[in-house]
PDB file of N, CA and C in Angstrom:
ATOM      1  N   MET A   1    -121.436  68.285 -34.168  1.00  0.00           N
ATOM      2  CA  MET A   1    -121.419  67.006 -33.688  1.00  0.00           C
ATOM      3  C   MET A   1    -122.841  67.388 -32.732  1.00  0.00           C
ATOM      4  N   GLN A   2    -123.401  66.191 -32.929  1.00  0.00           N
ATOM      5  CA  GLN A   2    -124.915  66.015 -32.412  1.00  0.00           C
ATOM      6  C   GLN A   2    -124.947  65.193 -30.954  1.00  0.00           C
ATOM      7  N   ILE A   3    -125.145  65.127 -30.069  1.00  0.00           N
ATOM      8  CA  ILE A   3    -125.224  64.316 -28.728  1.00  0.00           C
ATOM      9  C   ILE A   3    -126.945  63.540 -28.506  1.00  0.00           C
ATOM     10  N   ILE A   4    -126.865  62.385 -28.860  1.00  0.00           N
ATOM     11  CA  ILE A   4    -128.144  61.620 -28.590  1.00  0.00           C
ATOM     12  C   ILE A   4    -127.974  60.790 -27.201  1.00  0.00           C
ATOM     13  N   ASN A   5    -129.101  60.776 -26.566  1.00  0.00           N
ATOM     14  CA  ASN A   5    -129.214  59.658 -25.811  1.00  0.00           C
ATOM     15  C   ASN A   5    -130.078  58.684 -25.487  1.00  0.00           C
ATOM     16  N   ILE A   6    -130.292  57.615 -25.713  1.00  0.00           N
ATOM     17  CA  ILE A   6    -130.968  56.474 -26.506  1.00  0.00           C
ATOM     18  C   ILE A   6    -131.068  55.114 -25.166  1.00  0.00           C
ATOM     19  N   ASP A   7    -132.118  55.063 -24.708  1.00  0.00           N
ATOM     20  CA  ASP A   7    -132.216  54.231 -23.868  1.00  0.00           C
ATOM     21  C   ASP A   7    -131.007  53.981 -22.601  1.00  0.00           C
ATOM     22  N   GLY A   8    -130.561  55.532 -22.287  1.00  0.00           N
ATOM     23  CA  GLY A   8    -129.308  55.537 -21.225  1.00  0.00           C
ATOM     24  C   GLY A   8    -127.744  55.262 -21.854  1.00  0.00           C
ATOM     25  N   THR A   9    -127.953  55.299 -22.893  1.00  0.00           N
ATOM     26  CA  THR A   9    -126.598  55.284 -23.876  1.00  0.00           C
ATOM     27  C   THR A   9    -126.327  56.491 -24.487  1.00  0.00           C
ATOM     28  N   THR A  10    -125.321  57.046 -24.360  1.00  0.00           N
ATOM     29  CA  THR A  10    -125.262  58.196 -24.957  1.00  0.00           C
ATOM     30  C   THR A  10    -124.155  58.057 -26.448  1.00  0.00           C
ATOM     31  N   PHE A  11    -124.518  58.987 -27.285  1.00  0.00           N
ATOM     32  CA  PHE A  11    -124.124  58.536 -28.527  1.00  0.00           C
ATOM     33  C   PHE A  11    -123.655  60.229 -28.960  1.00  0.00           C
ATOM     34  N   THR A  12    -122.269  60.295 -29.579  1.00  0.00           N
ATOM     35  CA  THR A  12    -122.164  61.246 -30.265  1.00  0.00           C
ATOM     36  C   THR A  12    -121.649  61.178 -31.313  1.00  0.00           C
ATOM     37  N   ILE A  13    -122.360  61.931 -32.256  1.00  0.00           N
ATOM     38  CA  ILE A  13    -122.300  61.560 -33.975  1.00  0.00           C
ATOM     39  C   ILE A  13    -122.182  63.047 -34.775  1.00  0.00           C
ATOM     40  N   LYS A  14    -121.914  62.849 -36.054  1.00  0.00           N
ATOM     41  CA  LYS A  14    -121.242  63.701 -36.886  1.00  0.00           C
ATOM     42  C   LYS A  14    -122.683  64.305 -37.113  1.00  0.00           C
ATOM     43  N   ASN A  15    -122.527  65.436 -37.911  1.00  0.00           N
ATOM     44  CA  ASN A  15    -124.149  65.976 -38.749  1.00  0.00           C
ATOM     45  C   ASN A  15    -124.750  65.062 -40.008  1.00  0.00           C
ATOM     46  N   GLU A  16    -123.647  64.842 -40.164  1.00  0.00           N
ATOM     47  CA  GLU A  16    -123.904  63.810 -42.024  1.00  0.00           C
ATOM     48  C   GLU A  16    -124.255  62.582 -41.209  1.00  0.00           C
ATOM     49  N   ARG A  17    -124.402  61.971 -40.130  1.00  0.00           N
ATOM     50  CA  ARG A  17    -124.956  60.150 -40.026  1.00  0.00           C
ATOM     51  C   ARG A  17    -126.723  60.971 -39.668  1.00  0.00           C
ATOM     52  N   ASP A  18    -127.376  59.750 -40.188  1.00  0.00           N
ATOM     53  CA  ASP A  18    -128.963  59.973 -39.830  1.00  0.00           C
ATOM     54  C   ASP A  18    -129.162  59.604 -38.389  1.00  0.00           C
ATOM     55  N   PRO A  19    -129.809  60.406 -37.574  1.00  0.00           N
ATOM     56  CA  PRO A  19    -130.005  60.133 -35.969  1.00  0.00           C
ATOM     57  C   PRO A  19    -130.998  58.811 -36.225  1.00  0.00           C
ATOM     58  N   ILE A  20    -131.756  58.732 -36.847  1.00  0.00           N
ATOM     59  CA  ILE A  20    -132.874  57.984 -36.822  1.00  0.00           C
ATOM     60  C   ILE A  20    -132.482  56.545 -37.025  1.00  0.00           C
ATOM     61  N   ALA A  21    -131.573  56.516 -38.192  1.00  0.00           N
ATOM     62  CA  ALA A  21    -130.888  55.015 -38.365  1.00  0.00           C
ATOM     63  C   ALA A  21    -130.468  54.681 -37.534  1.00  0.00           C
ATOM     64  N   LEU A  22    -129.620  55.490 -36.398  1.00  0.00           N
ATOM     65  CA  LEU A  22    -128.473  55.575 -35.657  1.00  0.00           C
ATOM     66  C   LEU A  22    -129.351  54.794 -34.077  1.00  0.00           C
ATOM     67  N   ALA A  23    -130.766  55.342 -34.155  1.00  0.00           N
ATOM     68  CA  ALA A  23    -131.694  54.976 -33.278  1.00  0.00           C
ATOM     69  C   ALA A  23    -132.165  53.663 -33.500  1.00  0.00           C
ATOM     70  N   ALA A  24    -132.431  53.273 -34.268  1.00  0.00           N
ATOM     71  CA  ALA A  24    -133.034  52.091 -34.860  1.00  0.00           C
ATOM     72  C   ALA A  24    -131.755  50.755 -34.254  1.00  0.00           C
ATOM     73  N   LEU A  25    -130.322  51.164 -34.934  1.00  0.00           N
ATOM     74  CA  LEU A  25    -129.365  50.320 -34.507  1.00  0.00           C
ATOM     75  C   LEU A  25    -129.053  50.316 -32.971  1.00  0.00           C
ATOM     76  N   ALA A  26    -129.502  51.619 -32.451  1.00  0.00           N
ATOM     77  CA  ALA A  26    -129.434  51.229 -30.745  1.00  0.00           C
ATOM     78  C   ALA A  26    -129.790  50.656 -30.280  1.00  0.00           C
ATOM     79  N   ARG A  27    -131.503  50.552 -30.252  1.00  0.00           N
ATOM     80  CA  ARG A  27    -132.599  49.828 -29.894  1.00  0.00           C
ATOM     81  C   ARG A  27    -132.464  47.921 -30.242  1.00  0.00           C
ATOM     82  N   LYS A  28    -131.987  47.665 -30.859  1.00  0.00           N
ATOM     83  CA  LYS A  28    -131.534  46.476 -31.795  1.00  0.00           C
ATOM     84  C   LYS A  28    -130.798  45.476 -30.498  1.00  0.00           C
ATOM     85  N   LYS A  29    -131.451  44.511 -30.202  1.00  0.00           N
ATOM     86  CA  LYS A  29    -131.244  43.711 -29.053  1.00  0.00           C
ATOM     87  C   LYS A  29    -129.842  42.934 -29.602  1.00  0.00           C
ATOM     88  N   ILE A  30    -128.951  42.678 -29.084  1.00  0.00           N
ATOM     89  CA  ILE A  30    -127.716  41.960 -28.955  1.00  0.00           C
ATOM     90  C   ILE A  30    -128.041  40.611 -28.296  1.00  0.00           C
ATOM     91  N   ARG A  31    -128.236  39.760 -29.295  1.00  0.00           N
ATOM     92  CA  ARG A  31    -128.093  38.252 -29.007  1.00  0.00           C
ATOM     93  C   ARG A  31    -127.033  37.562 -28.682  1.00  0.00           C
ATOM     94  N   LYS A  32    -127.140  36.940 -27.844  1.00  0.00           N
ATOM     95  CA  LYS A  32    -126.038  36.076 -27.009  1.00  0.00           C
ATOM     96  C   LYS A  32    -126.242  34.527 -27.854  1.00  0.00           C
ATOM     97  N   PRO A  33    -125.277  34.000 -27.946  1.00  0.00           N
ATOM     98  CA  PRO A  33    -124.926  33.039 -28.610  1.00  0.00           C
ATOM     99  C   PRO A  33    -125.425  32.063 -27.792  1.00  0.00           C
ATOM    100  N   ALA A  34    -126.028  30.469 -28.059  1.00  0.00           N
ATOM    101  CA  ALA A  34    -126.843  29.540 -27.360  1.00  0.00           C
ATOM    102  C   ALA A  34    -125.638  28.975 -26.729  1.00  0.00           C
ATOM    103  N   PHE A  35    -126.227  27.974 -25.641  1.00  0.00           N
ATOM    104  CA  PHE A  35    -124.994  27.556 -24.863  1.00  0.00           C
ATOM    105  C   PHE A  35    -124.907  26.070 -25.432  1.00  0.00           C
ATOM    106  N   LYS A  36    -124.018  25.674 -25.811  1.00  0.00           N
ATOM    107  CA  LYS A  36    -123.915  24.357 -26.463  1.00  0.00           C
ATOM    108  C   LYS A  36    -123.203  23.479 -25.154  1.00  0.00           C
ATOM    109  N   ASP A  37    -124.349  22.315 -25.233  1.00  0.00           N
ATOM    110  CA  ASP A  37    -123.890  21.329 -24.458  1.00  0.00           C
ATOM    111  C   ASP A  37    -122.630  20.600 -25.038  1.00  0.00           C
ATOM    112  N   ILE A  38    -121.753  20.435 -24.393  1.00  0.00           N
ATOM    113  CA  ILE A  38    -120.692  19.434 -24.596  1.00  0.00           C
ATOM    114  C   ILE A  38    -120.351  18.522 -24.000  1.00  0.00           C
ATOM    115  N   ARG A  39    -121.606  18.030 -23.271  1.00  0.00           N
ATOM    116  CA  ARG A  39    -121.765  16.641 -22.558  1.00  0.00           C
ATOM    117  C   ARG A  39    -121.930  15.651 -23.485  1.00  0.00           C
ATOM    118  N   LYS A  40    -121.232  14.215 -23.137  1.00  0.00           N
ATOM    119  CA  LYS A  40    -121.664  13.356 -24.580  1.00  0.00           C
ATOM    120  C   LYS A  40    -122.292  12.123 -23.181  1.00  0.00           C
ATOM    121  N   PHE A  41    -123.444  11.800 -23.960  1.00  0.00           N
ATOM    122  CA  PHE A  41    -124.036  10.834 -23.241  1.00  0.00           C
ATOM    123  C   PHE A  41    -124.150   9.411 -23.682  1.00  0.00           C
ATOM    124  N   PRO A  42    -123.711   8.318 -22.972  1.00  0.00           N
ATOM    125  CA  PRO A  42    -124.022   7.233 -23.538  1.00  0.00           C
ATOM    126  C   PRO A  42    -125.331   6.536 -24.020  1.00  0.00           C
ATOM    127  N   VAL A  43    -125.284   5.736 -24.834  1.00  0.00           N
ATOM    128  CA  VAL A  43    -126.791   4.963 -25.323  1.00  0.00           C
ATOM    129  C   VAL A  43    -126.965   4.556 -24.104  1.00  0.00           C
ATOM    130  N   TYR A  44    -128.173   4.285 -23.667  1.00  0.00           N
ATOM    131  CA  TYR A  44    -128.618   3.406 -22.628  1.00  0.00           C
ATOM    132  C   TYR A  44    -129.220   2.088 -23.399  1.00  0.00           C
ATOM    133  N   ILE A  45    -128.651   0.510 -23.191  1.00  0.00           N
ATOM    134  CA  ILE A  45    -128.949  -0.584 -23.774  1.00  0.00           C
ATOM    135  C   ILE A  45    -129.574  -1.593 -22.911  1.00  0.00           C
ATOM    136  N   GLY A  46    -129.646  -1.200 -21.626  1.00  0.00           N
ATOM    137  CA  GLY A  46    -130.216  -1.779 -20.521  1.00  0.00           C
ATOM    138  C   GLY A  46    -128.965  -2.203 -19.417  1.00  0.00           C
ATOM    139  N   GLN A  47    -128.064  -1.502 -19.340  1.00  0.00           N
ATOM    140  CA  GLN A  47    -126.817  -1.506 -18.442  1.00  0.00           C
ATOM    141  C   GLN A  47    -127.389  -1.216 -17.020  1.00  0.00           C
ATOM    142  N   THR A  48    -126.342  -1.630 -15.915  1.00  0.00           N
ATOM    143  CA  THR A  48    -126.534  -1.169 -14.675  1.00  0.00           C
ATOM    144  C   THR A  48    -126.556   0.649 -14.356  1.00  0.00           C
ATOM    145  N   THR A  49    -126.792   0.936 -13.528  1.00  0.00           N
ATOM    146  CA  THR A  49    -126.704   2.513 -13.186  1.00  0.00           C
ATOM    147  C   THR A  49    -125.316   2.506 -12.890  1.00  0.00           C
ATOM    148  N   ALA A  50    -124.605   1.394 -12.007  1.00  0.00           N
ATOM    149  CA  ALA A  50    -122.919   1.970 -12.275  1.00  0.00           C
ATOM    150  C   ALA A  50    -121.996   2.141 -13.377  1.00  0.00           C
ATOM    151  N   ALA A  51    -122.541   0.960 -14.465  1.00  0.00           N
ATOM    152  CA  ALA A  51    -121.926   0.705 -15.605  1.00  0.00           C
ATOM    153  C   ALA A  51    -122.270   2.432 -16.393  1.00  0.00           C
ATOM    154  N   TYR A  52    -123.374   2.736 -16.260  1.00  0.00           N
ATOM    155  CA  TYR A  52    -124.040   3.719 -17.366  1.00  0.00           C
ATOM    156  C   TYR A  52    -123.027   5.137 -16.470  1.00  0.00           C
ATOM    157  N   ILE A  53    -123.083   5.181 -15.044  1.00  0.00           N
ATOM    158  CA  ILE A  53    -121.908   6.263 -14.786  1.00  0.00           C
ATOM    159  C   ILE A  53    -120.810   6.355 -15.033  1.00  0.00           C
ATOM    160  N   ARG A  54    -119.825   5.183 -14.795  1.00  0.00           N
ATOM    161  CA  ARG A  54    -118.783   4.949 -15.590  1.00  0.00           C
ATOM    162  C   ARG A  54    -118.185   5.176 -16.750  1.00  0.00           C
ATOM    163  N   GLN A  55    -119.446   4.979 -17.949  1.00  0.00           N
ATOM    164  CA  GLN A  55    -119.361   5.044 -19.351  1.00  0.00           C
ATOM    165  C   GLN A  55    -119.474   6.841 -19.402  1.00  0.00           C
ATOM    166  N   PHE A  56    -120.294   7.469 -18.861  1.00  0.00           N
ATOM    167  CA  PHE A  56    -120.768   8.968 -19.051  1.00  0.00           C
ATOM    168  C   PHE A  56    -119.161   9.322 -18.444  1.00  0.00           C
ATOM    169  N   GLU A  57    -118.530   8.878 -17.256  1.00  0.00           N
ATOM    170  CA  GLU A  57    -117.508   9.473 -16.927  1.00  0.00           C
ATOM    171  C   GLU A  57    -116.345   9.429 -18.094  1.00  0.00           C
ATOM    172  N   HIS A  58    -116.278   8.363 -18.658  1.00  0.00           N
ATOM    173  CA  HIS A  58    -115.097   7.688 -19.068  1.00  0.00           C
ATOM    174  C   HIS A  58    -115.013   8.713 -20.718  1.00  0.00           C
ATOM    175  N   ARG A  59    -116.517   9.018 -20.856  1.00  0.00           N
ATOM    176  CA  ARG A  59    -116.952   9.520 -22.296  1.00  0.00           C
ATOM    177  C   ARG A  59    -116.548  11.221 -22.400  1.00  0.00           C
ATOM    178  N   ASN A  60    -116.532  11.708 -21.275  1.00  0.00           N
ATOM    179  CA  ASN A  60    -117.050  13.119 -21.039  1.00  0.00           C
ATOM    180  C   ASN A  60    -115.348  13.636 -20.149  1.00  0.00           C
ATOM    181  N   PHE A  61    -114.412  12.407 -20.001  1.00  0.00           N
ATOM    182  CA  PHE A  61    -112.763  13.068 -19.282  1.00  0.00           C
ATOM    183  C   PHE A  61    -112.996  13.028 -18.241  1.00  0.00           C
ATOM    184  N   LEU A  62    -113.698  12.908 -17.255  1.00  0.00           N
ATOM    185  CA  LEU A  62    -113.931  12.947 -15.489  1.00  0.00           C
ATOM    186  C   LEU A  62    -113.157  12.110 -14.968  1.00  0.00           C
ATOM    187  N   VAL A  63    -112.955  12.771 -14.122  1.00  0.00           N
ATOM    188  CA  VAL A  63    -112.796  11.508 -12.877  1.00  0.00           C
ATOM    189  C   VAL A  63    -113.351  10.894 -11.527  1.00  0.00           C
ATOM    190  N   SER A  64    -113.301   9.365 -12.017  1.00  0.00           N
ATOM    191  CA  SER A  64    -114.346   9.189 -11.346  1.00  0.00           C
ATOM    192  C   SER A  64    -114.270   8.943  -9.998  1.00  0.00           C
ATOM    193  N   ILE A  65    -115.652   8.868  -9.440  1.00  0.00           N
ATOM    194  CA  ILE A  65    -115.727   9.077  -7.956  1.00  0.00           C
ATOM    195  C   ILE A  65    -116.425   7.722  -7.296  1.00  0.00           C
ATOM    196  N   PRO A  66    -115.870   7.356  -6.570  1.00  0.00           N
ATOM    197  CA  PRO A  66    -116.596   6.227  -5.711  1.00  0.00           C
ATOM    198  C   PRO A  66    -117.789   6.670  -5.060  1.00  0.00           C
ATOM    199  N   TYR A  67    -118.880   6.357  -5.976  1.00  0.00           N
ATOM    200  CA  TYR A  67    -120.438   6.524  -5.532  1.00  0.00           C
ATOM    201  C   TYR A  67    -120.303   5.165  -4.424  1.00  0.00           C
ATOM    202  N   ASP A  68    -121.370   5.956  -3.396  1.00  0.00           N
ATOM    203  CA  ASP A  68    -121.588   4.793  -2.597  1.00  0.00           C
ATOM    204  C   ASP A  68    -123.063   3.949  -2.878  1.00  0.00           C
ATOM    205  N   ASN A  69    -123.006   3.005  -3.049  1.00  0.00           N
ATOM    206  CA  ASN A  69    -124.352   2.534  -2.943  1.00  0.00           C
ATOM    207  C   ASN A  69    -124.894   2.101  -4.640  1.00  0.00           C
ATOM    208  N   LEU A  70    -124.009   2.136  -5.587  1.00  0.00           N
ATOM    209  CA  LEU A  70    -124.687   1.959  -6.891  1.00  0.00           C
ATOM    210  C   LEU A  70    -125.238   1.151  -7.291  1.00  0.00           C
ATOM    211  N   ASN A  71    -126.230   1.216  -7.961  1.00  0.00           N
ATOM    212  CA  ASN A  71    -126.903  -0.286  -8.140  1.00  0.00           C
ATOM    213  C   ASN A  71    -126.204  -1.178  -9.218  1.00  0.00           C
ATOM    214  N   ASP A  72    -125.881  -1.995  -8.813  1.00  0.00           N
ATOM    215  CA  ASP A  72    -124.821  -3.306  -9.690  1.00  0.00           C
ATOM    216  C   ASP A  72    -125.811  -4.324 -10.227  1.00  0.00           C
ATOM    217  N   ILE A  73    -127.281  -3.941 -10.300  1.00  0.00           N
ATOM    218  CA  ILE A  73    -127.875  -5.175 -10.801  1.00  0.00           C
ATOM    219  C   ILE A  73    -128.671  -4.375 -12.040  1.00  0.00           C
ATOM    220  N   GLY A  74    -129.638  -5.024 -12.749  1.00  0.00           N
ATOM    221  CA  GLY A  74    -130.321  -4.341 -13.753  1.00  0.00           C
ATOM    222  C   GLY A  74    -131.289  -3.311 -12.993  1.00  0.00           C
ATOM    223  N   THR A  75    -131.134  -2.196 -14.090  1.00  0.00           N
ATOM    224  CA  THR A  75    -131.972  -1.140 -13.549  1.00  0.00           C
ATOM    225  C   THR A  75    -133.480  -1.640 -13.840  1.00  0.00           C
ATOM    226  N   ALA A  76    -134.272  -0.608 -12.953  1.00  0.00           N
ATOM    227  CA  ALA A  76    -136.268  -0.890 -13.306  1.00  0.00           C
ATOM    228  C   ALA A  76    -136.540  -0.167 -14.739  1.00  0.00           C
ATOM    229  N   GLN A  77    -137.234  -0.608 -15.204  1.00  0.00           N
ATOM    230  CA  GLN A  77    -137.619  -0.726 -16.603  1.00  0.00           C
ATOM    231  C   GLN A  77    -138.851  -0.572 -17.243  1.00  0.00           C
ATOM    232  N   TYR A  78    -139.932   0.473 -17.660  1.00  0.00           N
ATOM    233  CA  TYR A  78    -140.753   0.875 -17.762  1.00  0.00           C
ATOM    234  C   TYR A  78    -141.399  -0.268 -18.464  1.00  0.00           C
ATOM    235  N   ASP A  79    -142.435  -0.479 -18.022  1.00  0.00           N
ATOM    236  CA  ASP A  79    -143.409  -1.492 -18.779  1.00  0.00           C
ATOM    237  C   ASP A  79    -144.522  -1.194 -19.280  1.00  0.00           C
ATOM    238  N   PRO A  80    -144.820  -1.494 -20.893  1.00  0.00           N
ATOM    239  CA  PRO A  80    -145.988  -0.832 -21.084  1.00  0.00           C
ATOM    240  C   PRO A  80    -146.821  -1.737 -20.979  1.00  0.00           C
ATOM    241  N   THR A  81    -147.243  -2.450 -20.384  1.00  0.00           N
ATOM    242  CA  THR A  81    -148.604  -3.329 -20.028  1.00  0.00           C
ATOM    243  C   THR A  81    -149.151  -2.769 -19.274  1.00  0.00           C
ATOM    244  N   ILE A  82    -148.239  -2.207 -17.766  1.00  0.00           N
ATOM    245  CA  ILE A  82    -148.942  -1.559 -17.133  1.00  0.00           C
ATOM    246  C   ILE A  82    -149.498  -0.006 -17.398  1.00  0.00           C
ATOM    247  N   PRO A  83    -150.829   0.433 -16.948  1.00  0.00           N
ATOM    248  CA  PRO A  83    -151.397   1.689 -17.705  1.00  0.00           C
ATOM    249  C   PRO A  83    -150.926   2.932 -16.586  1.00  0.00           C
ATOM    250  N   LEU A  84    -150.533   3.697 -16.990  1.00  0.00           N
ATOM    251  CA  LEU A  84    -149.665   4.797 -16.546  1.00  0.00           C
ATOM    252  C   LEU A  84    -150.783   5.636 -15.751  1.00  0.00           C
ATOM    253  N   VAL A  85    -152.184   5.587 -15.910  1.00  0.00           N
ATOM    254  CA  VAL A  85    -153.180   5.946 -15.011  1.00  0.00           C
ATOM    255  C   VAL A  85    -154.467   5.310 -14.789  1.00  0.00           C
ATOM    256  N   GLU A  86    -155.139   5.194 -13.863  1.00  0.00           N
ATOM    257  CA  GLU A  86    -155.963   4.557 -13.344  1.00  0.00           C
ATOM    258  C   GLU A  86    -157.101   5.153 -14.039  1.00  0.00           C
ATOM    259  N   ILE A  87    -158.249   4.398 -14.627  1.00  0.00           N
ATOM    260  CA  ILE A  87    -159.365   5.273 -15.275  1.00  0.00           C
ATOM    261  C   ILE A  87    -160.841   5.133 -14.265  1.00  0.00           C
ATOM    262  N   LEU A  88    -161.234   5.693 -13.624  1.00  0.00           N
ATOM    263  CA  LEU A  88    -162.283   5.914 -12.900  1.00  0.00           C
ATOM    264  C   LEU A  88    -163.408   5.848 -13.492  1.00  0.00           C
ATOM    265  N   CYS A  89    -164.610   4.989 -13.259  1.00  0.00           N
ATOM    266  CA  CYS A  89    -165.772   5.369 -13.664  1.00  0.00           C
ATOM    267  C   CYS A  89    -166.837   5.866 -13.092  1.00  0.00           C
TER     268      CYS A  89
END
């Protein structure tokens, strides 16, 4: 029997095991599975903020919360004719 300590982990191995191969396995990083986002977002098609939030809650089976001051008129849109930056000469 052979006792090996690698990066704070103690291994007891039989003599027929290759300690170099065991060290390579011990240093191999364990990858955690990536978090899968399970939320479902509605497609924005120009609806109001209140309608979008209601669709989001409905798609994700959430309990509706009475939000105060939600926008019940059309939401602001990006106007491509307005430049994003001002060119200074």
